[in-house]
Full PDB file with SEQRES, HELIX, SHEET, SSBOND, CRYST1, ORIGX, SCALE, CONECT and MASTER records, all heavy atoms in Angstrom:
SEQRES   1 A   42  GLY ASP VAL TYR ASP ASP ASN PRO ILE TRP THR ARG LEU          
SEQRES   2 A   42  SER ARG TYR ILE SER LEU ILE PHE LYS GLY ALA TYR ARG          
SEQRES   3 A   42  LYS LYS SER ASN LYS GLY PHE GLY HIS LYS ALA PHE LEU          
SEQRES   4 A   42  VAL ASP LEU                                                  
HELIX    1 AA1 ILE A    9  PHE A   21  1                                  13    
HELIX    2 AA2 LYS A   28  ASN A   30  5                                   3    
HELIX    3 AA3 HIS A   35  ASP A   41  1                                   7    
CRYST1    1.000    1.000    1.000  90.00  90.00  90.00 P 1           1          
ORIGX1      1.000000  0.000000  0.000000        0.00000                         
ORIGX2      0.000000  1.000000  0.000000        0.00000                         
ORIGX3      0.000000  0.000000  1.000000        0.00000                         
SCALE1      1.000000  0.000000  0.000000        0.00000                         
SCALE2      0.000000  1.000000  0.000000        0.00000                         
SCALE3      0.000000  0.000000  1.000000        0.00000                         
ATOM      1  N   GLY A   1      94.320 123.064 119.314  1.00  0.00           N  
ATOM      2  CA  GLY A   1      93.425 124.176 119.234  1.00  0.00           C  
ATOM      3  C   GLY A   1      93.612 125.005 118.016  1.00  0.00           C  
ATOM      4  O   GLY A   1      92.731 125.468 117.391  1.00  0.00           O  
ATOM      5  N   ASP A   2      94.927 125.237 117.664  1.00  0.00           N  
ATOM      6  CA  ASP A   2      95.259 125.999 116.495  1.00  0.00           C  
ATOM      7  C   ASP A   2      94.853 125.306 115.127  1.00  0.00           C  
ATOM      8  O   ASP A   2      94.525 125.868 114.230  1.00  0.00           O  
ATOM      9  CB  ASP A   2      96.765 126.280 116.419  1.00  0.00           C  
ATOM     10  CG  ASP A   2      97.225 127.294 117.380  1.00  0.00           C  
ATOM     11  OD1 ASP A   2      96.244 128.027 117.886  1.00  0.00           O  
ATOM     12  OD2 ASP A   2      98.376 127.396 117.768  1.00  0.00           O  
ATOM     13  N   VAL A   3      94.967 123.894 115.192  1.00  0.00           N  
ATOM     14  CA  VAL A   3      94.597 123.117 114.101  1.00  0.00           C  
ATOM     15  C   VAL A   3      93.054 123.364 113.782  1.00  0.00           C  
ATOM     16  O   VAL A   3      92.649 123.429 112.628  1.00  0.00           O  
ATOM     17  CB  VAL A   3      94.865 121.609 114.262  1.00  0.00           C  
ATOM     18  CG1 VAL A   3      94.221 120.811 113.206  1.00  0.00           C  
ATOM     19  CG2 VAL A   3      96.394 121.364 114.241  1.00  0.00           C  
ATOM     20  N   TYR A   4      92.246 123.405 114.861  1.00  0.00           N  
ATOM     21  CA  TYR A   4      90.777 123.502 114.733  1.00  0.00           C  
ATOM     22  C   TYR A   4      90.305 124.900 114.642  1.00  0.00           C  
ATOM     23  O   TYR A   4      89.141 125.182 114.373  1.00  0.00           O  
ATOM     24  CB  TYR A   4      90.170 122.712 115.940  1.00  0.00           C  
ATOM     25  CG  TYR A   4      90.130 121.226 115.720  1.00  0.00           C  
ATOM     26  CD1 TYR A   4      91.372 120.468 115.803  1.00  0.00           C  
ATOM     27  CD2 TYR A   4      88.989 120.461 115.357  1.00  0.00           C  
ATOM     28  CE1 TYR A   4      91.302 119.090 115.592  1.00  0.00           C  
ATOM     29  CE2 TYR A   4      89.102 119.184 115.121  1.00  0.00           C  
ATOM     30  CZ  TYR A   4      90.164 118.457 115.210  1.00  0.00           C  
ATOM     31  OH  TYR A   4      90.195 117.097 114.998  1.00  0.00           O  
ATOM     32  N   ASP A   5      91.139 125.865 114.824  1.00  0.00           N  
ATOM     33  CA  ASP A   5      90.727 127.224 114.830  1.00  0.00           C  
ATOM     34  C   ASP A   5      90.654 127.783 113.415  1.00  0.00           C  
ATOM     35  O   ASP A   5      91.159 127.130 112.452  1.00  0.00           O  
ATOM     36  CB  ASP A   5      91.805 128.152 115.557  1.00  0.00           C  
ATOM     37  CG  ASP A   5      91.145 129.392 116.146  1.00  0.00           C  
ATOM     38  OD1 ASP A   5      90.014 129.685 115.749  1.00  0.00           O  
ATOM     39  OD2 ASP A   5      91.756 130.054 116.991  1.00  0.00           O  
ATOM     40  N   ASP A   6      90.103 128.928 113.193  1.00  0.00           N  
ATOM     41  CA  ASP A   6      89.920 129.517 111.884  1.00  0.00           C  
ATOM     42  C   ASP A   6      91.164 130.260 111.403  1.00  0.00           C  
ATOM     43  O   ASP A   6      91.239 131.401 111.178  1.00  0.00           O  
ATOM     44  CB  ASP A   6      88.771 130.488 111.991  1.00  0.00           C  
ATOM     45  CG  ASP A   6      88.311 130.943 110.497  1.00  0.00           C  
ATOM     46  OD1 ASP A   6      88.676 130.276 109.653  1.00  0.00           O  
ATOM     47  OD2 ASP A   6      87.687 131.997 110.381  1.00  0.00           O  
ATOM     48  N   ASN A   7      92.243 129.469 111.337  1.00  0.00           N  
ATOM     49  CA  ASN A   7      93.618 129.956 110.927  1.00  0.00           C  
ATOM     50  C   ASN A   7      93.821 129.696 109.464  1.00  0.00           C  
ATOM     51  O   ASN A   7      93.110 128.833 108.886  1.00  0.00           O  
ATOM     52  CB  ASN A   7      94.672 129.252 111.757  1.00  0.00           C  
ATOM     53  CG  ASN A   7      94.699 129.684 113.141  1.00  0.00           C  
ATOM     54  OD1 ASN A   7      94.625 130.953 113.495  1.00  0.00           O  
ATOM     55  ND2 ASN A   7      94.811 128.742 114.095  1.00  0.00           N  
ATOM     56  N   PRO A   8      94.791 130.380 108.805  1.00  0.00           N  
ATOM     57  CA  PRO A   8      95.204 130.038 107.431  1.00  0.00           C  
ATOM     58  C   PRO A   8      95.676 128.614 107.387  1.00  0.00           C  
ATOM     59  O   PRO A   8      96.137 128.057 108.401  1.00  0.00           O  
ATOM     60  CB  PRO A   8      96.326 130.977 107.135  1.00  0.00           C  
ATOM     61  CG  PRO A   8      96.118 132.102 108.156  1.00  0.00           C  
ATOM     62  CD  PRO A   8      95.593 131.549 109.434  1.00  0.00           C  
ATOM     63  N   ILE A   9      95.532 127.978 106.241  1.00  0.00           N  
ATOM     64  CA  ILE A   9      95.847 126.549 106.063  1.00  0.00           C  
ATOM     65  C   ILE A   9      97.307 126.285 106.378  1.00  0.00           C  
ATOM     66  O   ILE A   9      97.624 125.207 106.994  1.00  0.00           O  
ATOM     67  CB  ILE A   9      95.592 126.101 104.563  1.00  0.00           C  
ATOM     68  CG1 ILE A   9      95.817 124.615 104.520  1.00  0.00           C  
ATOM     69  CG2 ILE A   9      96.322 126.927 103.594  1.00  0.00           C  
ATOM     70  CD1 ILE A   9      95.408 123.953 103.185  1.00  0.00           C  
ATOM     71  N   TRP A  10      98.221 127.213 106.128  1.00  0.00           N  
ATOM     72  CA  TRP A  10      99.623 126.931 106.396  1.00  0.00           C  
ATOM     73  C   TRP A  10      99.856 126.893 107.960  1.00  0.00           C  
ATOM     74  O   TRP A  10     100.823 126.154 108.424  1.00  0.00           O  
ATOM     75  CB  TRP A  10     100.576 127.916 105.747  1.00  0.00           C  
ATOM     76  CG  TRP A  10     100.247 129.404 105.999  1.00  0.00           C  
ATOM     77  CD1 TRP A  10     100.623 130.182 106.981  1.00  0.00           C  
ATOM     78  CD2 TRP A  10      99.441 130.220 105.086  1.00  0.00           C  
ATOM     79  NE1 TRP A  10     100.054 131.419 106.936  1.00  0.00           N  
ATOM     80  CE2 TRP A  10      99.354 131.536 105.755  1.00  0.00           C  
ATOM     81  CE3 TRP A  10      98.677 129.955 103.827  1.00  0.00           C  
ATOM     82  CZ2 TRP A  10      98.744 132.564 105.168  1.00  0.00           C  
ATOM     83  CZ3 TRP A  10      98.120 131.036 103.263  1.00  0.00           C  
ATOM     84  CH2 TRP A  10      98.046 132.284 103.912  1.00  0.00           C  
ATOM     85  N   THR A  11      99.100 127.730 108.705  1.00  0.00           N  
ATOM     86  CA  THR A  11      99.199 127.744 110.157  1.00  0.00           C  
ATOM     87  C   THR A  11      98.700 126.407 110.779  1.00  0.00           C  
ATOM     88  O   THR A  11      99.326 125.731 111.567  1.00  0.00           O  
ATOM     89  CB  THR A  11      98.466 128.848 110.744  1.00  0.00           C  
ATOM     90  OG1 THR A  11      98.980 130.161 110.314  1.00  0.00           O  
ATOM     91  CG2 THR A  11      98.531 128.813 112.239  1.00  0.00           C  
ATOM     92  N   ARG A  12      97.568 125.964 110.157  1.00  0.00           N  
ATOM     93  CA  ARG A  12      97.026 124.683 110.633  1.00  0.00           C  
ATOM     94  C   ARG A  12      97.932 123.488 110.389  1.00  0.00           C  
ATOM     95  O   ARG A  12      98.175 122.646 111.212  1.00  0.00           O  
ATOM     96  CB  ARG A  12      95.645 124.457 109.997  1.00  0.00           C  
ATOM     97  CG  ARG A  12      94.548 125.517 110.255  1.00  0.00           C  
ATOM     98  CD  ARG A  12      93.117 125.021 109.961  1.00  0.00           C  
ATOM     99  NE  ARG A  12      93.092 124.553 108.540  1.00  0.00           N  
ATOM    100  CZ  ARG A  12      92.604 125.389 107.516  1.00  0.00           C  
ATOM    101  NH1 ARG A  12      92.244 126.663 107.918  1.00  0.00           N  
ATOM    102  NH2 ARG A  12      92.347 124.947 106.336  1.00  0.00           N  
ATOM    103  N   LEU A  13      98.429 123.517 109.083  1.00  0.00           N  
ATOM    104  CA  LEU A  13      99.370 122.421 108.720  1.00  0.00           C  
ATOM    105  C   LEU A  13     100.649 122.482 109.528  1.00  0.00           C  
ATOM    106  O   LEU A  13     101.191 121.327 109.952  1.00  0.00           O  
ATOM    107  CB  LEU A  13      99.749 122.529 107.205  1.00  0.00           C  
ATOM    108  CG  LEU A  13      98.540 122.023 106.345  1.00  0.00           C  
ATOM    109  CD1 LEU A  13      98.860 122.414 104.906  1.00  0.00           C  
ATOM    110  CD2 LEU A  13      98.407 120.463 106.441  1.00  0.00           C  
ATOM    111  N   SER A  14     101.203 123.595 109.899  1.00  0.00           N  
ATOM    112  CA  SER A  14     102.428 123.761 110.618  1.00  0.00           C  
ATOM    113  C   SER A  14     102.262 123.189 112.009  1.00  0.00           C  
ATOM    114  O   SER A  14     103.131 122.521 112.590  1.00  0.00           O  
ATOM    115  CB  SER A  14     102.993 125.152 110.662  1.00  0.00           C  
ATOM    116  OG  SER A  14     102.131 126.041 111.445  1.00  0.00           O  
ATOM    117  N   ARG A  15     101.024 123.398 112.649  1.00  0.00           N  
ATOM    118  CA  ARG A  15     100.752 122.934 113.930  1.00  0.00           C  
ATOM    119  C   ARG A  15     100.518 121.452 113.909  1.00  0.00           C  
ATOM    120  O   ARG A  15     100.940 120.759 114.846  1.00  0.00           O  
ATOM    121  CB  ARG A  15      99.493 123.614 114.554  1.00  0.00           C  
ATOM    122  CG  ARG A  15      99.470 125.085 114.658  1.00  0.00           C  
ATOM    123  CD  ARG A  15     100.600 125.604 115.687  1.00  0.00           C  
ATOM    124  NE  ARG A  15     100.570 126.980 115.866  1.00  0.00           N  
ATOM    125  CZ  ARG A  15     101.104 127.909 115.195  1.00  0.00           C  
ATOM    126  NH1 ARG A  15     101.915 127.585 114.035  1.00  0.00           N  
ATOM    127  NH2 ARG A  15     100.944 129.165 115.512  1.00  0.00           N  
ATOM    128  N   TYR A  16      99.866 120.912 112.835  1.00  0.00           N  
ATOM    129  CA  TYR A  16      99.736 119.489 112.673  1.00  0.00           C  
ATOM    130  C   TYR A  16     101.068 118.761 112.534  1.00  0.00           C  
ATOM    131  O   TYR A  16     101.327 117.804 113.211  1.00  0.00           O  
ATOM    132  CB  TYR A  16      98.866 119.280 111.394  1.00  0.00           C  
ATOM    133  CG  TYR A  16      98.592 117.829 111.114  1.00  0.00           C  
ATOM    134  CD1 TYR A  16      97.830 116.995 111.935  1.00  0.00           C  
ATOM    135  CD2 TYR A  16      99.250 117.270 110.005  1.00  0.00           C  
ATOM    136  CE1 TYR A  16      97.569 115.753 111.581  1.00  0.00           C  
ATOM    137  CE2 TYR A  16      98.994 115.906 109.723  1.00  0.00           C  
ATOM    138  CZ  TYR A  16      98.247 115.189 110.548  1.00  0.00           C  
ATOM    139  OH  TYR A  16      97.967 113.861 110.131  1.00  0.00           O  
ATOM    140  N   ILE A  17     101.956 119.331 111.794  1.00  0.00           N  
ATOM    141  CA  ILE A  17     103.412 118.772 111.599  1.00  0.00           C  
ATOM    142  C   ILE A  17     104.072 118.783 113.014  1.00  0.00           C  
ATOM    143  O   ILE A  17     104.761 117.819 113.289  1.00  0.00           O  
ATOM    144  CB  ILE A  17     104.146 119.538 110.508  1.00  0.00           C  
ATOM    145  CG1 ILE A  17     103.438 119.247 109.204  1.00  0.00           C  
ATOM    146  CG2 ILE A  17     105.552 119.074 110.557  1.00  0.00           C  
ATOM    147  CD1 ILE A  17     104.012 120.093 108.072  1.00  0.00           C  
ATOM    148  N   SER A  18     103.958 119.865 113.745  1.00  0.00           N  
ATOM    149  CA  SER A  18     104.507 119.992 115.050  1.00  0.00           C  
ATOM    150  C   SER A  18     104.038 118.873 115.980  1.00  0.00           C  
ATOM    151  O   SER A  18     104.758 118.226 116.665  1.00  0.00           O  
ATOM    152  CB  SER A  18     104.207 121.278 115.749  1.00  0.00           C  
ATOM    153  OG  SER A  18     104.831 122.307 115.024  1.00  0.00           O  
ATOM    154  N   LEU A  19     102.666 118.565 115.853  1.00  0.00           N  
ATOM    155  CA  LEU A  19     102.155 117.453 116.623  1.00  0.00           C  
ATOM    156  C   LEU A  19     102.716 116.149 116.282  1.00  0.00           C  
ATOM    157  O   LEU A  19     103.032 115.306 117.127  1.00  0.00           O  
ATOM    158  CB  LEU A  19     100.563 117.400 116.492  1.00  0.00           C  
ATOM    159  CG  LEU A  19      99.773 118.492 117.201  1.00  0.00           C  
ATOM    160  CD1 LEU A  19      98.465 118.780 116.717  1.00  0.00           C  
ATOM    161  CD2 LEU A  19      99.793 118.232 118.729  1.00  0.00           C  
ATOM    162  N   ILE A  20     102.923 115.888 114.996  1.00  0.00           N  
ATOM    163  CA  ILE A  20     103.554 114.713 114.497  1.00  0.00           C  
ATOM    164  C   ILE A  20     104.902 114.504 115.178  1.00  0.00           C  
ATOM    165  O   ILE A  20     105.263 113.408 115.618  1.00  0.00           O  
ATOM    166  CB  ILE A  20     103.611 114.623 113.030  1.00  0.00           C  
ATOM    167  CG1 ILE A  20     102.291 114.542 112.380  1.00  0.00           C  
ATOM    168  CG2 ILE A  20     104.454 113.472 112.534  1.00  0.00           C  
ATOM    169  CD1 ILE A  20     102.177 114.672 110.937  1.00  0.00           C  
ATOM    170  N   PHE A  21     105.706 115.613 114.975  1.00  0.00           N  
ATOM    171  CA  PHE A  21     107.076 115.469 115.667  1.00  0.00           C  
ATOM    172  C   PHE A  21     107.148 115.330 117.133  1.00  0.00           C  
ATOM    173  O   PHE A  21     108.141 114.788 117.662  1.00  0.00           O  
ATOM    174  CB  PHE A  21     107.940 116.627 115.222  1.00  0.00           C  
ATOM    175  CG  PHE A  21     108.448 116.563 113.759  1.00  0.00           C  
ATOM    176  CD1 PHE A  21     107.904 117.351 112.776  1.00  0.00           C  
ATOM    177  CD2 PHE A  21     109.423 115.649 113.445  1.00  0.00           C  
ATOM    178  CE1 PHE A  21     108.361 117.201 111.448  1.00  0.00           C  
ATOM    179  CE2 PHE A  21     109.925 115.601 112.127  1.00  0.00           C  
ATOM    180  CZ  PHE A  21     109.318 116.326 111.143  1.00  0.00           C  
ATOM    181  N   LYS A  22     106.038 115.783 117.782  1.00  0.00           N  
ATOM    182  CA  LYS A  22     105.949 115.559 119.206  1.00  0.00           C  
ATOM    183  C   LYS A  22     105.394 114.294 119.720  1.00  0.00           C  
ATOM    184  O   LYS A  22     105.220 113.940 120.818  1.00  0.00           O  
ATOM    185  CB  LYS A  22     105.148 116.729 119.817  1.00  0.00           C  
ATOM    186  CG  LYS A  22     105.755 118.047 119.830  1.00  0.00           C  
ATOM    187  CD  LYS A  22     104.845 119.131 120.394  1.00  0.00           C  
ATOM    188  CE  LYS A  22     105.468 120.450 120.367  1.00  0.00           C  
ATOM    189  NZ  LYS A  22     106.671 120.630 121.234  1.00  0.00           N  
ATOM    190  N   GLY A  23     105.141 113.337 118.639  1.00  0.00           N  
ATOM    191  CA  GLY A  23     104.682 112.065 118.922  1.00  0.00           C  
ATOM    192  C   GLY A  23     103.112 111.995 119.383  1.00  0.00           C  
ATOM    193  O   GLY A  23     102.749 111.128 120.092  1.00  0.00           O  
ATOM    194  N   ALA A  24     102.380 113.107 118.995  1.00  0.00           N  
ATOM    195  CA  ALA A  24     101.098 113.168 119.495  1.00  0.00           C  
ATOM    196  C   ALA A  24     100.095 112.110 118.973  1.00  0.00           C  
ATOM    197  O   ALA A  24      99.001 111.790 119.605  1.00  0.00           O  
ATOM    198  CB  ALA A  24     100.461 114.487 118.959  1.00  0.00           C  
ATOM    199  N   TYR A  25     100.481 111.461 117.895  1.00  0.00           N  
ATOM    200  CA  TYR A  25      99.537 110.489 117.195  1.00  0.00           C  
ATOM    201  C   TYR A  25      99.994 108.998 117.490  1.00  0.00           C  
ATOM    202  O   TYR A  25      99.578 108.119 116.791  1.00  0.00           O  
ATOM    203  CB  TYR A  25      99.409 110.815 115.811  1.00  0.00           C  
ATOM    204  CG  TYR A  25      98.835 112.120 115.607  1.00  0.00           C  
ATOM    205  CD1 TYR A  25      99.557 113.157 114.962  1.00  0.00           C  
ATOM    206  CD2 TYR A  25      97.588 112.476 116.050  1.00  0.00           C  
ATOM    207  CE1 TYR A  25      99.107 114.440 114.807  1.00  0.00           C  
ATOM    208  CE2 TYR A  25      97.095 113.768 115.885  1.00  0.00           C  
ATOM    209  CZ  TYR A  25      97.822 114.731 115.201  1.00  0.00           C  
ATOM    210  OH  TYR A  25      97.387 116.007 115.062  1.00  0.00           O  
ATOM    211  N   ARG A  26     100.844 108.774 118.503  1.00  0.00           N  
ATOM    212  CA  ARG A  26     101.160 107.473 118.873  1.00  0.00           C  
ATOM    213  C   ARG A  26      99.863 106.761 119.536  1.00  0.00           C  
ATOM    214  O   ARG A  26      98.868 107.491 119.709  1.00  0.00           O  
ATOM    215  CB  ARG A  26     102.215 107.416 119.943  1.00  0.00           C  
ATOM    216  CG  ARG A  26     103.617 107.803 119.440  1.00  0.00           C  
ATOM    217  CD  ARG A  26     104.626 107.879 120.585  1.00  0.00           C  
ATOM    218  NE  ARG A  26     104.290 108.880 121.631  1.00  0.00           N  
ATOM    219  CZ  ARG A  26     105.065 109.400 122.459  1.00  0.00           C  
ATOM    220  NH1 ARG A  26     106.329 109.071 122.456  1.00  0.00           N  
ATOM    221  NH2 ARG A  26     104.748 110.293 123.305  1.00  0.00           N  
ATOM    222  N   LYS A  27      99.912 105.501 119.711  1.00  0.00           N  
ATOM    223  CA  LYS A  27      98.739 104.799 120.294  1.00  0.00           C  
ATOM    224  C   LYS A  27      98.400 105.598 121.622  1.00  0.00           C  
ATOM    225  O   LYS A  27      99.339 105.987 122.340  1.00  0.00           O  
ATOM    226  CB  LYS A  27      99.003 103.317 120.509  1.00  0.00           C  
ATOM    227  CG  LYS A  27      99.098 102.553 119.223  1.00  0.00           C  
ATOM    228  CD  LYS A  27      99.355 101.093 119.592  1.00  0.00           C  
ATOM    229  CE  LYS A  27      99.439 100.222 118.377  1.00  0.00           C  
ATOM    230  NZ  LYS A  27      99.614  98.763 118.656  1.00  0.00           N  
ATOM    231  N   LYS A  28      97.100 105.468 122.005  1.00  0.00           N  
ATOM    232  CA  LYS A  28      96.716 105.936 123.288  1.00  0.00           C  
ATOM    233  C   LYS A  28      97.476 105.268 124.412  1.00  0.00           C  
ATOM    234  O   LYS A  28      97.756 105.870 125.391  1.00  0.00           O  
ATOM    235  CB  LYS A  28      95.281 105.833 123.448  1.00  0.00           C  
ATOM    236  CG  LYS A  28      94.429 106.743 122.526  1.00  0.00           C  
ATOM    237  CD  LYS A  28      92.884 106.557 122.803  1.00  0.00           C  
ATOM    238  CE  LYS A  28      92.074 107.523 121.902  1.00  0.00           C  
ATOM    239  NZ  LYS A  28      90.668 107.277 122.140  1.00  0.00           N  
ATOM    240  N   SER A  29      97.659 103.912 124.108  1.00  0.00           N  
ATOM    241  CA  SER A  29      98.369 103.182 125.212  1.00  0.00           C  
ATOM    242  C   SER A  29      99.824 103.550 125.365  1.00  0.00           C  
ATOM    243  O   SER A  29     100.508 103.225 126.324  1.00  0.00           O  
ATOM    244  CB  SER A  29      98.283 101.696 124.938  1.00  0.00           C  
ATOM    245  OG  SER A  29      98.812 101.394 123.643  1.00  0.00           O  
ATOM    246  N   ASN A  30     100.354 104.323 124.388  1.00  0.00           N  
ATOM    247  CA  ASN A  30     101.691 104.835 124.477  1.00  0.00           C  
ATOM    248  C   ASN A  30     101.737 106.447 124.492  1.00  0.00           C  
ATOM    249  O   ASN A  30     102.614 107.107 123.936  1.00  0.00           O  
ATOM    250  CB  ASN A  30     102.555 104.409 123.191  1.00  0.00           C  
ATOM    251  CG  ASN A  30     104.024 104.574 123.393  1.00  0.00           C  
ATOM    252  OD1 ASN A  30     104.518 104.574 124.501  1.00  0.00           O  
ATOM    253  ND2 ASN A  30     104.728 104.699 122.273  1.00  0.00           N  
ATOM    254  N   LYS A  31     100.752 106.978 125.205  1.00  0.00           N  
ATOM    255  CA  LYS A  31     100.635 108.386 125.513  1.00  0.00           C  
ATOM    256  C   LYS A  31     100.358 109.320 124.363  1.00  0.00           C  
ATOM    257  O   LYS A  31     100.711 110.474 124.288  1.00  0.00           O  
ATOM    258  CB  LYS A  31     101.948 108.809 126.202  1.00  0.00           C  
ATOM    259  CG  LYS A  31     102.423 108.040 127.443  1.00  0.00           C  
ATOM    260  CD  LYS A  31     103.637 108.578 127.988  1.00  0.00           C  
ATOM    261  CE  LYS A  31     104.110 107.786 129.216  1.00  0.00           C  
ATOM    262  NZ  LYS A  31     104.394 106.377 128.925  1.00  0.00           N  
ATOM    263  N   GLY A  32      99.690 108.747 123.332  1.00  0.00           N  
ATOM    264  CA  GLY A  32      99.398 109.539 122.190  1.00  0.00           C  
ATOM    265  C   GLY A  32      97.834 109.684 122.049  1.00  0.00           C  
ATOM    266  O   GLY A  32      97.100 109.299 122.926  1.00  0.00           O  
ATOM    267  N   PHE A  33      97.421 110.425 121.029  1.00  0.00           N  
ATOM    268  CA  PHE A  33      96.000 110.581 120.796  1.00  0.00           C  
ATOM    269  C   PHE A  33      95.353 109.504 119.859  1.00  0.00           C  
ATOM    270  O   PHE A  33      94.193 109.356 119.753  1.00  0.00           O  
ATOM    271  CB  PHE A  33      95.665 111.924 120.083  1.00  0.00           C  
ATOM    272  CG  PHE A  33      96.073 113.161 120.893  1.00  0.00           C  
ATOM    273  CD1 PHE A  33      96.946 114.055 120.479  1.00  0.00           C  
ATOM    274  CD2 PHE A  33      95.465 113.300 122.219  1.00  0.00           C  
ATOM    275  CE1 PHE A  33      97.330 115.214 121.227  1.00  0.00           C  
ATOM    276  CE2 PHE A  33      95.840 114.438 122.939  1.00  0.00           C  
ATOM    277  CZ  PHE A  33      96.688 115.391 122.512  1.00  0.00           C  
ATOM    278  N   GLY A  34      96.199 108.668 119.264  1.00  0.00           N  
ATOM    279  CA  GLY A  34      95.843 107.564 118.411  1.00  0.00           C  
ATOM    280  C   GLY A  34      95.742 107.849 116.995  1.00  0.00           C  
ATOM    281  O   GLY A  34      95.658 108.980 116.488  1.00  0.00           O  
ATOM    282  N   HIS A  35      95.591 106.727 116.145  1.00  0.00           N  
ATOM    283  CA  HIS A  35      95.552 106.945 114.750  1.00  0.00           C  
ATOM    284  C   HIS A  35      94.299 107.541 114.185  1.00  0.00           C  
ATOM    285  O   HIS A  35      94.350 108.222 113.199  1.00  0.00           O  
ATOM    286  CB  HIS A  35      95.673 105.528 114.017  1.00  0.00           C  
ATOM    287  CG  HIS A  35      94.542 104.676 114.204  1.00  0.00           C  
ATOM    288  ND1 HIS A  35      94.276 103.884 115.392  1.00  0.00           N  
ATOM    289  CD2 HIS A  35      93.479 104.345 113.401  1.00  0.00           C  
ATOM    290  CE1 HIS A  35      93.182 103.229 115.311  1.00  0.00           C  
ATOM    291  NE2 HIS A  35      92.646 103.447 114.057  1.00  0.00           N  
ATOM    292  N   LYS A  36      93.135 107.426 114.904  1.00  0.00           N  
ATOM    293  CA  LYS A  36      91.988 108.149 114.470  1.00  0.00           C  
ATOM    294  C   LYS A  36      92.156 109.683 114.525  1.00  0.00           C  
ATOM    295  O   LYS A  36      91.776 110.355 113.608  1.00  0.00           O  
ATOM    296  CB  LYS A  36      90.767 107.692 115.328  1.00  0.00           C  
ATOM    297  CG  LYS A  36      89.475 108.340 114.737  1.00  0.00           C  
ATOM    298  CD  LYS A  36      88.251 108.062 115.725  1.00  0.00           C  
ATOM    299  CE  LYS A  36      87.951 106.616 115.812  1.00  0.00           C  
ATOM    300  NZ  LYS A  36      86.762 106.306 116.674  1.00  0.00           N  
ATOM    301  N   ALA A  37      92.795 110.167 115.563  1.00  0.00           N  
ATOM    302  CA  ALA A  37      93.028 111.553 115.683  1.00  0.00           C  
ATOM    303  C   ALA A  37      93.915 112.063 114.638  1.00  0.00           C  
ATOM    304  O   ALA A  37      93.884 113.127 114.064  1.00  0.00           O  
ATOM    305  CB  ALA A  37      93.596 111.906 117.167  1.00  0.00           C  
ATOM    306  N   PHE A  38      95.009 111.236 114.268  1.00  0.00           N  
ATOM    307  CA  PHE A  38      95.882 111.494 113.212  1.00  0.00           C  
ATOM    308  C   PHE A  38      95.164 111.794 111.867  1.00  0.00           C  
ATOM    309  O   PHE A  38      95.368 112.855 111.217  1.00  0.00           O  
ATOM    310  CB  PHE A  38      96.817 110.318 112.982  1.00  0.00           C  
ATOM    311  CG  PHE A  38      97.691 110.397 111.801  1.00  0.00           C  
ATOM    312  CD1 PHE A  38      98.956 111.246 111.848  1.00  0.00           C  
ATOM    313  CD2 PHE A  38      97.458 109.834 110.615  1.00  0.00           C  
ATOM    314  CE1 PHE A  38      99.794 111.394 110.660  1.00  0.00           C  
ATOM    315  CE2 PHE A  38      98.189 109.934 109.408  1.00  0.00           C  
ATOM    316  CZ  PHE A  38      99.436 110.704 109.537  1.00  0.00           C  
ATOM    317  N   LEU A  39      94.143 111.015 111.615  1.00  0.00           N  
ATOM    318  CA  LEU A  39      93.403 111.137 110.253  1.00  0.00           C  
ATOM    319  C   LEU A  39      92.431 112.359 110.378  1.00  0.00           C  
ATOM    320  O   LEU A  39      92.391 113.123 109.424  1.00  0.00           O  
ATOM    321  CB  LEU A  39      92.639 109.811 109.911  1.00  0.00           C  
ATOM    322  CG  LEU A  39      93.556 108.621 109.700  1.00  0.00           C  
ATOM    323  CD1 LEU A  39      92.707 107.398 109.594  1.00  0.00           C  
ATOM    324  CD2 LEU A  39      94.367 108.859 108.396  1.00  0.00           C  
ATOM    325  N   VAL A  40      91.743 112.424 111.439  1.00  0.00           N  
ATOM    326  CA  VAL A  40      90.729 113.527 111.599  1.00  0.00           C  
ATOM    327  C   VAL A  40      91.515 114.864 111.724  1.00  0.00           C  
ATOM    328  O   VAL A  40      91.067 115.848 110.959  1.00  0.00           O  
ATOM    329  CB  VAL A  40      89.969 113.335 112.964  1.00  0.00           C  
ATOM    330  CG1 VAL A  40      89.070 114.477 113.169  1.00  0.00           C  
ATOM    331  CG2 VAL A  40      89.068 112.122 112.818  1.00  0.00           C  
ATOM    332  N   ASP A  41      92.638 115.021 112.371  1.00  0.00           N  
ATOM    333  CA  ASP A  41      93.336 116.263 112.483  1.00  0.00           C  
ATOM    334  C   ASP A  41      93.928 116.664 111.112  1.00  0.00           C  
ATOM    335  O   ASP A  41      94.018 117.869 110.767  1.00  0.00           O  
ATOM    336  CB  ASP A  41      94.524 116.196 113.484  1.00  0.00           C  
ATOM    337  CG  ASP A  41      93.914 116.185 114.913  1.00  0.00           C  
ATOM    338  OD1 ASP A  41      92.681 116.230 115.059  1.00  0.00           O  
ATOM    339  OD2 ASP A  41      94.677 116.245 115.938  1.00  0.00           O  
ATOM    340  N   LEU A  42      94.327 115.647 110.378  1.00  0.00           N  
ATOM    341  CA  LEU A  42      94.832 115.904 109.031  1.00  0.00           C  
ATOM    342  C   LEU A  42      93.713 116.505 108.123  1.00  0.00           C  
ATOM    343  O   LEU A  42      93.854 117.429 107.374  1.00  0.00           O  
ATOM    344  CB  LEU A  42      95.371 114.653 108.290  1.00  0.00           C  
ATOM    345  CG  LEU A  42      95.773 114.712 106.844  1.00  0.00           C  
ATOM    346  CD1 LEU A  42      96.927 115.752 106.704  1.00  0.00           C  
ATOM    347  CD2 LEU A  42      96.244 113.351 106.276  1.00  0.00           C  
TER     348      LEU A  42                                                      
MASTER        0    0    0    3    0    0    0    6  347    1    0    4          
END                                                                             
């Protein structure tokens, strides 16, 4: 939600990096959002 909100770029990027470290972009079959979400969120 913070990545997609009207936040400063450094806020959006910091949330995106947090998602990476939390394993958010693993395969959907491994409890993640998947590689497409990785690219779109970036």
